[in-house]
PDB file of N, CA and C in Angstrom:
ATOM      1  N   UNK A   1       0.833  -1.600  -0.398  1.00  0.00           N
ATOM      2  CA  UNK A   1       0.262  -0.102  -0.144  1.00  0.00           C
ATOM      3  C   UNK A   1       0.896   1.133  -0.481  1.00  0.00           C
ATOM      4  N   UNK A   2       2.227   1.279   0.473  1.00  0.00           N
ATOM      5  CA  UNK A   2       2.967   2.860   1.080  1.00  0.00           C
ATOM      6  C   UNK A   2       3.490   2.017  -0.742  1.00  0.00           C
ATOM      7  N   UNK A   3       3.676   1.448  -1.351  1.00  0.00           N
ATOM      8  CA  UNK A   3       4.163   1.792  -2.039  1.00  0.00           C
ATOM      9  C   UNK A   3       3.390   2.222  -3.248  1.00  0.00           C
ATOM     10  N   UNK A   4       2.209   2.194  -3.222  1.00  0.00           N
ATOM     11  CA  UNK A   4       1.252   2.500  -3.951  1.00  0.00           C
ATOM     12  C   UNK A   4       0.852   4.080  -3.621  1.00  0.00           C
ATOM     13  N   UNK A   5       1.047   4.344  -2.652  1.00  0.00           N
ATOM     14  CA  UNK A   5       0.202   5.610  -2.342  1.00  0.00           C
ATOM     15  C   UNK A   5       1.858   6.696  -2.525  1.00  0.00           C
ATOM     16  N   UNK A   6       2.803   6.196  -2.538  1.00  0.00           N
ATOM     17  CA  UNK A   6       4.417   6.806  -3.118  1.00  0.00           C
ATOM     18  C   UNK A   6       3.854   6.907  -4.730  1.00  0.00           C
ATOM     19  N   UNK A   7       3.959   5.811  -5.332  1.00  0.00           N
ATOM     20  CA  UNK A   7       3.781   5.956  -7.144  1.00  0.00           C
ATOM     21  C   UNK A   7       2.636   6.826  -7.851  1.00  0.00           C
ATOM     22  N   UNK A   8       1.265   7.597  -6.819  1.00  0.00           N
ATOM     23  CA  UNK A   8       0.504   7.809  -6.748  1.00  0.00           C
ATOM     24  C   UNK A   8       1.082   8.817  -6.434  1.00  0.00           C
ATOM     25  N   UNK A   9       1.847   9.572  -5.413  1.00  0.00           N
ATOM     26  CA  UNK A   9       2.147  10.570  -4.967  1.00  0.00           C
ATOM     27  C   UNK A   9       0.237  11.500  -3.762  1.00  0.00           C
ATOM     28  N   UNK A  10       0.113  10.271  -3.208  1.00  0.00           N
ATOM     29  CA  UNK A  10      -0.764  10.498  -2.362  1.00  0.00           C
ATOM     30  C   UNK A  10      -0.428  10.192  -0.823  1.00  0.00           C
ATOM     31  N   UNK A  11      -0.865  10.655   0.001  1.00  0.00           N
ATOM     32  CA  UNK A  11      -0.625  10.976   1.201  1.00  0.00           C
ATOM     33  C   UNK A  11      -1.432  10.205   2.478  1.00  0.00           C
ATOM     34  N   UNK A  12      -2.892  10.288   1.798  1.00  0.00           N
ATOM     35  CA  UNK A  12      -4.023   8.915   2.590  1.00  0.00           C
ATOM     36  C   UNK A  12      -4.088   7.368   2.070  1.00  0.00           C
ATOM     37  N   UNK A  13      -5.164   6.908   2.444  1.00  0.00           N
ATOM     38  CA  UNK A  13      -5.555   5.431   1.451  1.00  0.00           C
ATOM     39  C   UNK A  13      -6.784   6.263   1.136  1.00  0.00           C
ATOM     40  N   UNK A  14      -7.223   7.266   1.714  1.00  0.00           N
ATOM     41  CA  UNK A  14      -9.238   7.886   1.363  1.00  0.00           C
ATOM     42  C   UNK A  14      -8.446   8.870  -0.440  1.00  0.00           C
ATOM     43  N   UNK A  15      -7.143   8.834  -0.515  1.00  0.00           N
ATOM     44  CA  UNK A  15      -6.224   9.530  -1.432  1.00  0.00           C
ATOM     45  C   UNK A  15      -5.974   8.798  -2.388  1.00  0.00           C
ATOM     46  N   UNK A  16      -5.657   8.023  -2.459  1.00  0.00           N
ATOM     47  CA  UNK A  16      -5.622   6.180  -2.642  1.00  0.00           C
ATOM     48  C   UNK A  16      -6.380   6.297  -3.507  1.00  0.00           C
ATOM     49  N   UNK A  17      -7.527   5.863  -3.209  1.00  0.00           N
ATOM     50  CA  UNK A  17      -9.149   5.090  -3.458  1.00  0.00           C
ATOM     51  C   UNK A  17      -9.354   6.131  -4.566  1.00  0.00           C
ATOM     52  N   UNK A  18      -9.571   7.219  -4.121  1.00  0.00           N
ATOM     53  CA  UNK A  18      -9.919   8.395  -5.206  1.00  0.00           C
ATOM     54  C   UNK A  18      -8.933   8.250  -6.715  1.00  0.00           C
ATOM     55  N   UNK A  19      -7.353   7.706  -6.410  1.00  0.00           N
ATOM     56  CA  UNK A  19      -6.926   8.349  -8.168  1.00  0.00           C
ATOM     57  C   UNK A  19      -7.555   6.924  -8.276  1.00  0.00           C
ATOM     58  N   UNK A  20      -7.569   6.289  -8.079  1.00  0.00           N
ATOM     59  CA  UNK A  20      -8.277   4.194  -8.206  1.00  0.00           C
ATOM     60  C   UNK A  20      -9.572   4.078  -9.007  1.00  0.00           C
ATOM     61  N   UNK A  21     -10.839   5.091  -8.354  1.00  0.00           N
ATOM     62  CA  UNK A  21     -11.724   5.614  -9.087  1.00  0.00           C
ATOM     63  C   UNK A  21     -11.465   6.577 -10.278  1.00  0.00           C
ATOM     64  N   UNK A  22     -11.021   7.493 -10.222  1.00  0.00           N
ATOM     65  CA  UNK A  22     -10.491   8.098 -11.290  1.00  0.00           C
ATOM     66  C   UNK A  22      -9.610   7.733 -12.356  1.00  0.00           C
ATOM     67  N   UNK A  23      -8.971   6.677 -12.261  1.00  0.00           N
ATOM     68  CA  UNK A  23      -7.845   5.747 -13.267  1.00  0.00           C
ATOM     69  C   UNK A  23      -9.260   4.402 -13.947  1.00  0.00           C
ATOM     70  N   UNK A  24     -10.387   3.911 -12.609  1.00  0.00           N
ATOM     71  CA  UNK A  24     -11.168   3.213 -13.142  1.00  0.00           C
ATOM     72  C   UNK A  24     -12.442   4.113 -14.370  1.00  0.00           C
ATOM     73  N   UNK A  25     -12.125   5.468 -14.076  1.00  0.00           N
ATOM     74  CA  UNK A  25     -13.628   6.231 -14.931  1.00  0.00           C
ATOM     75  C   UNK A  25     -12.360   6.362 -16.468  1.00  0.00           C
ATOM     76  N   UNK A  26     -11.334   6.723 -16.358  1.00  0.00           N
ATOM     77  CA  UNK A  26     -10.498   7.036 -17.328  1.00  0.00           C
ATOM     78  C   UNK A  26     -10.605   5.459 -18.462  1.00  0.00           C
ATOM     79  N   UNK A  27      -9.869   4.179 -17.656  1.00  0.00           N
ATOM     80  CA  UNK A  27     -10.169   3.047 -18.582  1.00  0.00           C
ATOM     81  C   UNK A  27     -11.683   2.746 -19.561  1.00  0.00           C
ATOM     82  N   UNK A  28     -12.608   3.319 -18.513  1.00  0.00           N
ATOM     83  CA  UNK A  28     -14.255   2.853 -19.013  1.00  0.00           C
ATOM     84  C   UNK A  28     -14.314   3.853 -20.576  1.00  0.00           C
ATOM     85  N   UNK A  29     -14.009   5.124 -19.977  1.00  0.00           N
ATOM     86  CA  UNK A  29     -13.488   5.704 -20.891  1.00  0.00           C
ATOM     87  C   UNK A  29     -13.016   6.240 -22.347  1.00  0.00           C
ATOM     88  N   UNK A  30     -11.168   5.262 -22.567  1.00  0.00           N
ATOM     89  CA  UNK A  30     -10.895   4.683 -23.474  1.00  0.00           C
ATOM     90  C   UNK A  30     -10.910   3.470 -23.934  1.00  0.00           C
ATOM     91  N   UNK A  31     -12.340   2.608 -22.771  1.00  0.00           N
ATOM     92  CA  UNK A  31     -12.983   1.905 -23.402  1.00  0.00           C
ATOM     93  C   UNK A  31     -13.703   2.123 -24.763  1.00  0.00           C
ATOM     94  N   UNK A  32     -14.308   3.022 -24.752  1.00  0.00           N
ATOM     95  CA  UNK A  32     -14.989   3.591 -25.387  1.00  0.00           C
ATOM     96  C   UNK A  32     -14.814   3.630 -27.263  1.00  0.00           C
ATOM     97  N   UNK A  33     -13.448   3.635 -27.317  1.00  0.00           N
ATOM     98  CA  UNK A  33     -12.730   4.222 -28.408  1.00  0.00           C
ATOM     99  C   UNK A  33     -12.458   2.032 -28.915  1.00  0.00           C
ATOM    100  N   UNK A  34     -12.011   1.169 -27.948  1.00  0.00           N
ATOM    101  CA  UNK A  34     -12.275   0.429 -28.073  1.00  0.00           C
ATOM    102  C   UNK A  34     -13.330  -0.075 -29.175  1.00  0.00           C
ATOM    103  N   UNK A  35     -14.755  -0.266 -27.950  1.00  0.00           N
ATOM    104  CA  UNK A  35     -15.818  -0.655 -28.694  1.00  0.00           C
ATOM    105  C   UNK A  35     -16.423  -0.474 -29.867  1.00  0.00           C
ATOM    106  N   UNK A  36     -15.773   0.798 -30.316  1.00  0.00           N
ATOM    107  CA  UNK A  36     -16.174   1.494 -31.530  1.00  0.00           C
ATOM    108  C   UNK A  36     -15.083   1.204 -32.563  1.00  0.00           C
ATOM    109  N   UNK A  37     -14.375   0.710 -32.704  1.00  0.00           N
ATOM    110  CA  UNK A  37     -12.420  -0.069 -33.274  1.00  0.00           C
ATOM    111  C   UNK A  37     -13.636  -0.743 -34.141  1.00  0.00           C
ATOM    112  N   UNK A  38     -13.982  -2.073 -32.559  1.00  0.00           N
ATOM    113  CA  UNK A  38     -13.743  -3.481 -32.694  1.00  0.00           C
ATOM    114  C   UNK A  38     -14.867  -3.737 -33.757  1.00  0.00           C
ATOM    115  N   UNK A  39     -16.275  -2.385 -33.592  1.00  0.00           N
ATOM    116  CA  UNK A  39     -17.632  -2.286 -33.921  1.00  0.00           C
ATOM    117  C   UNK A  39     -17.121  -2.051 -35.243  1.00  0.00           C
ATOM    118  N   UNK A  40     -16.323  -0.899 -35.726  1.00  0.00           N
ATOM    119  CA  UNK A  40     -16.173  -0.633 -36.969  1.00  0.00           C
ATOM    120  C   UNK A  40     -15.303  -1.584 -37.962  1.00  0.00           C
ATOM    121  N   UNK A  41     -14.877  -2.751 -37.282  1.00  0.00           N
ATOM    122  CA  UNK A  41     -13.543  -3.772 -38.250  1.00  0.00           C
ATOM    123  C   UNK A  41     -14.359  -4.708 -38.552  1.00  0.00           C
ATOM    124  N   UNK A  42     -15.990  -4.492 -37.632  1.00  0.00           N
ATOM    125  CA  UNK A  42     -17.012  -5.845 -37.790  1.00  0.00           C
ATOM    126  C   UNK A  42     -17.921  -5.684 -38.896  1.00  0.00           C
ATOM    127  N   UNK A  43     -18.049  -4.127 -39.315  1.00  0.00           N
ATOM    128  CA  UNK A  43     -18.691  -3.809 -40.468  1.00  0.00           C
ATOM    129  C   UNK A  43     -17.688  -3.934 -41.185  1.00  0.00           C
ATOM    130  N   UNK A  44     -16.641  -3.077 -41.433  1.00  0.00           N
ATOM    131  CA  UNK A  44     -16.427  -2.581 -42.681  1.00  0.00           C
ATOM    132  C   UNK A  44     -16.088  -1.686 -43.139  1.00  0.00           C
ATOM    133  N   UNK A  45     -16.605  -0.942 -42.223  1.00  0.00           N
ATOM    134  CA  UNK A  45     -17.401   0.925 -42.392  1.00  0.00           C
ATOM    135  C   UNK A  45     -17.016   1.408 -41.182  1.00  0.00           C
ATOM    136  N   UNK A  46     -17.218   2.897 -40.802  1.00  0.00           N
ATOM    137  CA  UNK A  46     -16.604   3.708 -39.479  1.00  0.00           C
ATOM    138  C   UNK A  46     -18.106   4.040 -39.001  1.00  0.00           C
ATOM    139  N   UNK A  47     -18.949   3.027 -37.765  1.00  0.00           N
ATOM    140  CA  UNK A  47     -19.603   3.060 -36.955  1.00  0.00           C
ATOM    141  C   UNK A  47     -19.457   3.037 -35.740  1.00  0.00           C
ATOM    142  N   UNK A  48     -20.881   3.747 -35.775  1.00  0.00           N
ATOM    143  CA  UNK A  48     -20.952   4.866 -33.785  1.00  0.00           C
ATOM    144  C   UNK A  48     -21.844   3.531 -32.865  1.00  0.00           C
ATOM    145  N   UNK A  49     -21.596   2.739 -32.430  1.00  0.00           N
ATOM    146  CA  UNK A  49     -22.427   1.855 -31.557  1.00  0.00           C
ATOM    147  C   UNK A  49     -22.860   2.007 -30.202  1.00  0.00           C
ATOM    148  N   UNK A  50     -24.097   2.121 -30.085  1.00  0.00           N
ATOM    149  CA  UNK A  50     -24.445   2.402 -28.719  1.00  0.00           C
ATOM    150  C   UNK A  50     -23.919   2.209 -27.650  1.00  0.00           C
ATOM    151  N   UNK A  51     -23.088   0.934 -27.304  1.00  0.00           N
ATOM    152  CA  UNK A  51     -22.452   1.039 -26.374  1.00  0.00           C
ATOM    153  C   UNK A  51     -21.530   2.358 -26.350  1.00  0.00           C
ATOM    154  N   UNK A  52     -20.731   2.584 -27.340  1.00  0.00           N
ATOM    155  CA  UNK A  52     -19.603   3.926 -27.160  1.00  0.00           C
ATOM    156  C   UNK A  52     -20.073   4.794 -26.346  1.00  0.00           C
ATOM    157  N   UNK A  53     -21.672   4.773 -26.372  1.00  0.00           N
ATOM    158  CA  UNK A  53     -22.098   6.396 -25.322  1.00  0.00           C
ATOM    159  C   UNK A  53     -22.100   5.603 -24.442  1.00  0.00           C
ATOM    160  N   UNK A  54     -22.610   4.398 -24.048  1.00  0.00           N
ATOM    161  CA  UNK A  54     -23.170   4.125 -22.824  1.00  0.00           C
ATOM    162  C   UNK A  54     -21.870   4.225 -21.892  1.00  0.00           C
ATOM    163  N   UNK A  55     -20.432   3.992 -22.585  1.00  0.00           N
ATOM    164  CA  UNK A  55     -18.720   4.043 -21.892  1.00  0.00           C
ATOM    165  C   UNK A  55     -18.552   4.996 -21.465  1.00  0.00           C
ATOM    166  N   UNK A  56     -19.363   6.387 -22.753  1.00  0.00           N
ATOM    167  CA  UNK A  56     -18.851   7.927 -22.341  1.00  0.00           C
ATOM    168  C   UNK A  56     -19.271   8.773 -21.295  1.00  0.00           C
ATOM    169  N   UNK A  57     -20.771   7.845 -21.376  1.00  0.00           N
ATOM    170  CA  UNK A  57     -21.261   8.672 -20.111  1.00  0.00           C
ATOM    171  C   UNK A  57     -20.803   8.350 -18.651  1.00  0.00           C
ATOM    172  N   UNK A  58     -20.187   6.892 -19.448  1.00  0.00           N
ATOM    173  CA  UNK A  58     -20.095   5.967 -17.356  1.00  0.00           C
ATOM    174  C   UNK A  58     -18.603   7.023 -16.968  1.00  0.00           C
ATOM    175  N   UNK A  59     -17.921   6.816 -17.896  1.00  0.00           N
ATOM    176  CA  UNK A  59     -16.533   7.015 -17.416  1.00  0.00           C
ATOM    177  C   UNK A  59     -16.553   8.343 -17.948  1.00  0.00           C
ATOM    178  N   UNK A  60     -17.333   9.430 -17.842  1.00  0.00           N
ATOM    179  CA  UNK A  60     -17.452  11.022 -18.121  1.00  0.00           C
ATOM    180  C   UNK A  60     -17.849  11.011 -16.716  1.00  0.00           C
ATOM    181  N   UNK A  61     -18.836  10.474 -16.566  1.00  0.00           N
ATOM    182  CA  UNK A  61     -19.292  10.367 -14.801  1.00  0.00           C
ATOM    183  C   UNK A  61     -18.475  10.074 -13.721  1.00  0.00           C
ATOM    184  N   UNK A  62     -17.848   9.300 -13.895  1.00  0.00           N
ATOM    185  CA  UNK A  62     -17.000   9.017 -12.551  1.00  0.00           C
ATOM    186  C   UNK A  62     -15.921   9.713 -12.984  1.00  0.00           C
ATOM    187  N   UNK A  63     -15.459  10.311 -14.438  1.00  0.00           N
ATOM    188  CA  UNK A  63     -14.354  10.885 -14.252  1.00  0.00           C
ATOM    189  C   UNK A  63     -14.260  12.925 -14.051  1.00  0.00           C
ATOM    190  N   UNK A  64     -16.001  13.498 -14.113  1.00  0.00           N
ATOM    191  CA  UNK A  64     -16.327  14.047 -13.694  1.00  0.00           C
ATOM    192  C   UNK A  64     -16.215  14.103 -11.885  1.00  0.00           C
ATOM    193  N   UNK A  65     -17.394  13.274 -11.223  1.00  0.00           N
ATOM    194  CA  UNK A  65     -17.294  12.763  -9.695  1.00  0.00           C
ATOM    195  C   UNK A  65     -15.347  13.504  -9.625  1.00  0.00           C
ATOM    196  N   UNK A  66     -14.575  12.699 -10.140  1.00  0.00           N
ATOM    197  CA  UNK A  66     -12.963  12.929  -9.462  1.00  0.00           C
ATOM    198  C   UNK A  66     -12.723  14.117  -9.823  1.00  0.00           C
ATOM    199  N   UNK A  67     -12.768  14.787 -11.262  1.00  0.00           N
ATOM    200  CA  UNK A  67     -12.653  16.314 -11.238  1.00  0.00           C
ATOM    201  C   UNK A  67     -13.277  17.059 -10.165  1.00  0.00           C
ATOM    202  N   UNK A  68     -14.646  16.645  -9.400  1.00  0.00           N
ATOM    203  CA  UNK A  68     -15.014  17.721  -8.763  1.00  0.00           C
ATOM    204  C   UNK A  68     -14.937  17.899  -7.119  1.00  0.00           C
ATOM    205  N   UNK A  69     -14.250  15.867  -6.857  1.00  0.00           N
ATOM    206  CA  UNK A  69     -13.244  16.549  -5.727  1.00  0.00           C
ATOM    207  C   UNK A  69     -12.167  16.845  -5.914  1.00  0.00           C
ATOM    208  N   UNK A  70     -11.458  16.622  -7.293  1.00  0.00           N
ATOM    209  CA  UNK A  70     -10.076  17.510  -6.660  1.00  0.00           C
ATOM    210  C   UNK A  70     -10.295  18.521  -6.878  1.00  0.00           C
ATOM    211  N   UNK A  71     -11.486  19.402  -7.098  1.00  0.00           N
ATOM    212  CA  UNK A  71     -11.936  20.444  -7.845  1.00  0.00           C
ATOM    213  C   UNK A  71     -11.582  21.242  -8.325  1.00  0.00           C
ATOM    214  N   UNK A  72     -10.718  20.764  -9.703  1.00  0.00           N
ATOM    215  CA  UNK A  72     -10.363  21.302 -10.359  1.00  0.00           C
ATOM    216  C   UNK A  72     -11.065  21.707 -11.809  1.00  0.00           C
ATOM    217  N   UNK A  73     -11.164  23.261 -11.819  1.00  0.00           N
ATOM    218  CA  UNK A  73     -11.881  24.125 -12.275  1.00  0.00           C
ATOM    219  C   UNK A  73     -11.903  23.242 -14.730  1.00  0.00           C
ATOM    220  N   UNK A  74     -10.989  22.799 -14.563  1.00  0.00           N
ATOM    221  CA  UNK A  74     -10.644  22.910 -16.538  1.00  0.00           C
ATOM    222  C   UNK A  74     -11.693  21.649 -16.518  1.00  0.00           C
ATOM    223  N   UNK A  75     -10.858  20.417 -15.872  1.00  0.00           N
ATOM    224  CA  UNK A  75     -11.506  19.512 -15.962  1.00  0.00           C
ATOM    225  C   UNK A  75     -12.934  19.041 -15.399  1.00  0.00           C
ATOM    226  N   UNK A  76     -13.689  20.035 -14.748  1.00  0.00           N
ATOM    227  CA  UNK A  76     -14.766  19.885 -14.411  1.00  0.00           C
ATOM    228  C   UNK A  76     -15.339  20.414 -15.755  1.00  0.00           C
ATOM    229  N   UNK A  77     -15.286  21.538 -16.187  1.00  0.00           N
ATOM    230  CA  UNK A  77     -16.065  22.320 -17.191  1.00  0.00           C
ATOM    231  C   UNK A  77     -15.856  21.075 -18.149  1.00  0.00           C
ATOM    232  N   UNK A  78     -14.600  20.533 -18.335  1.00  0.00           N
ATOM    233  CA  UNK A  78     -14.827  19.149 -20.113  1.00  0.00           C
ATOM    234  C   UNK A  78     -15.744  18.351 -19.617  1.00  0.00           C
ATOM    235  N   UNK A  79     -15.531  17.772 -18.194  1.00  0.00           N
ATOM    236  CA  UNK A  79     -16.541  16.484 -18.444  1.00  0.00           C
ATOM    237  C   UNK A  79     -17.759  17.048 -18.423  1.00  0.00           C
ATOM    238  N   UNK A  80     -17.991  18.493 -17.548  1.00  0.00           N
ATOM    239  CA  UNK A  80     -19.297  18.622 -17.564  1.00  0.00           C
ATOM    240  C   UNK A  80     -20.128  18.824 -19.069  1.00  0.00           C
ATOM    241  N   UNK A  81     -19.151  19.576 -19.933  1.00  0.00           N
ATOM    242  CA  UNK A  81     -19.858  19.431 -21.272  1.00  0.00           C
ATOM    243  C   UNK A  81     -19.899  17.562 -22.096  1.00  0.00           C
ATOM    244  N   UNK A  82     -18.994  16.883 -21.801  1.00  0.00           N
ATOM    245  CA  UNK A  82     -18.893  16.385 -22.664  1.00  0.00           C
ATOM    246  C   UNK A  82     -20.257  14.960 -22.197  1.00  0.00           C
ATOM    247  N   UNK A  83     -20.446  14.633 -20.754  1.00  0.00           N
ATOM    248  CA  UNK A  83     -21.480  14.176 -20.044  1.00  0.00           C
ATOM    249  C   UNK A  83     -23.017  14.931 -20.387  1.00  0.00           C
ATOM    250  N   UNK A  84     -22.956  16.114 -20.259  1.00  0.00           N
ATOM    251  CA  UNK A  84     -24.219  16.076 -21.480  1.00  0.00           C
ATOM    252  C   UNK A  84     -24.085  15.820 -22.980  1.00  0.00           C
ATOM    253  N   UNK A  85     -23.312  16.530 -23.246  1.00  0.00           N
ATOM    254  CA  UNK A  85     -23.372  16.018 -25.250  1.00  0.00           C
ATOM    255  C   UNK A  85     -23.841  14.241 -25.070  1.00  0.00           C
ATOM    256  N   UNK A  86     -23.022  13.443 -24.333  1.00  0.00           N
ATOM    257  CA  UNK A  86     -23.642  11.581 -24.296  1.00  0.00           C
ATOM    258  C   UNK A  86     -24.394  11.771 -24.337  1.00  0.00           C
ATOM    259  N   UNK A  87     -24.960  12.431 -23.061  1.00  0.00           N
ATOM    260  CA  UNK A  87     -26.589  12.079 -22.907  1.00  0.00           C
ATOM    261  C   UNK A  87     -27.506  12.617 -23.816  1.00  0.00           C
ATOM    262  N   UNK A  88     -27.254  13.676 -23.751  1.00  0.00           N
ATOM    263  CA  UNK A  88     -28.179  14.622 -25.645  1.00  0.00           C
ATOM    264  C   UNK A  88     -27.940  13.191 -26.657  1.00  0.00           C
ATOM    265  N   UNK A  89     -26.792  12.494 -27.246  1.00  0.00           N
ATOM    266  CA  UNK A  89     -26.874  11.528 -28.421  1.00  0.00           C
ATOM    267  C   UNK A  89     -28.110  10.284 -27.682  1.00  0.00           C
ATOM    268  N   UNK A  90     -27.352   9.937 -26.388  1.00  0.00           N
ATOM    269  CA  UNK A  90     -28.412   8.135 -25.835  1.00  0.00           C
ATOM    270  C   UNK A  90     -29.752   8.672 -26.148  1.00  0.00           C
ATOM    271  N   UNK A  91     -29.673  10.221 -25.403  1.00  0.00           N
ATOM    272  CA  UNK A  91     -31.767  10.942 -25.826  1.00  0.00           C
ATOM    273  C   UNK A  91     -32.177  10.385 -27.349  1.00  0.00           C
ATOM    274  N   UNK A  92     -31.335  11.412 -28.113  1.00  0.00           N
ATOM    275  CA  UNK A  92     -31.838  11.174 -29.480  1.00  0.00           C
ATOM    276  C   UNK A  92     -32.164   9.719 -29.668  1.00  0.00           C
ATOM    277  N   UNK A  93     -30.730   9.037 -29.983  1.00  0.00           N
ATOM    278  CA  UNK A  93     -31.295   7.405 -30.095  1.00  0.00           C
ATOM    279  C   UNK A  93     -32.152   6.602 -29.914  1.00  0.00           C
ATOM    280  N   UNK A  94     -32.463   6.761 -28.370  1.00  0.00           N
ATOM    281  CA  UNK A  94     -33.680   6.809 -27.772  1.00  0.00           C
ATOM    282  C   UNK A  94     -34.769   7.268 -28.154  1.00  0.00           C
ATOM    283  N   UNK A  95     -35.101   8.500 -29.262  1.00  0.00           N
ATOM    284  CA  UNK A  95     -35.874   9.036 -29.621  1.00  0.00           C
ATOM    285  C   UNK A  95     -36.417   8.914 -30.406  1.00  0.00           C
ATOM    286  N   UNK A  96     -35.513   8.288 -31.569  1.00  0.00           N
ATOM    287  CA  UNK A  96     -35.204   7.751 -33.105  1.00  0.00           C
ATOM    288  C   UNK A  96     -36.184   6.182 -32.831  1.00  0.00           C
ATOM    289  N   UNK A  97     -35.377   5.479 -31.793  1.00  0.00           N
ATOM    290  CA  UNK A  97     -35.588   4.051 -31.502  1.00  0.00           C
ATOM    291  C   UNK A  97     -37.459   3.909 -31.320  1.00  0.00           C
ATOM    292  N   UNK A  98     -38.126   4.760 -30.343  1.00  0.00           N
ATOM    293  CA  UNK A  98     -39.823   5.118 -30.206  1.00  0.00           C
ATOM    294  C   UNK A  98     -40.189   5.138 -32.010  1.00  0.00           C
ATOM    295  N   UNK A  99     -39.754   6.240 -32.504  1.00  0.00           N
ATOM    296  CA  UNK A  99     -40.708   6.425 -33.573  1.00  0.00           C
ATOM    297  C   UNK A  99     -40.162   5.009 -34.670  1.00  0.00           C
ATOM    298  N   UNK A 100     -39.670   5.037 -34.707  1.00  0.00           N
ATOM    299  CA  UNK A 100     -39.248   3.683 -35.353  1.00  0.00           C
ATOM    300  C   UNK A 100     -40.408   2.596 -34.738  1.00  0.00           C
ATOM    301  N   UNK A 101     -40.493   2.471 -33.360  1.00  0.00           N
ATOM    302  CA  UNK A 101     -42.150   0.925 -33.600  1.00  0.00           C
ATOM    303  C   UNK A 101     -43.083   1.434 -33.719  1.00  0.00           C
TER     304      UNK A 101
END
């Protein structure tokens, strides 16, 4: 535990868990690109699967929580806008699916 705390440059176990939480959000956020890439390779064209937006909003919300905890106004602004955009895309997808039904 001490080694991890030194490596992440944190002083308490609570800070360490926040860093782990932030890293989990970043991994989820990065995972969205893997989902998009795999879907595009399978389709042999560029596609944007709905899972991309769920990974985006999940990772974005975790990163926004982390940014708020860190009180980083630049990070907060960037993630807030992203979460709004991801939510809007999911809403539009849902609206289209209802219209098609």
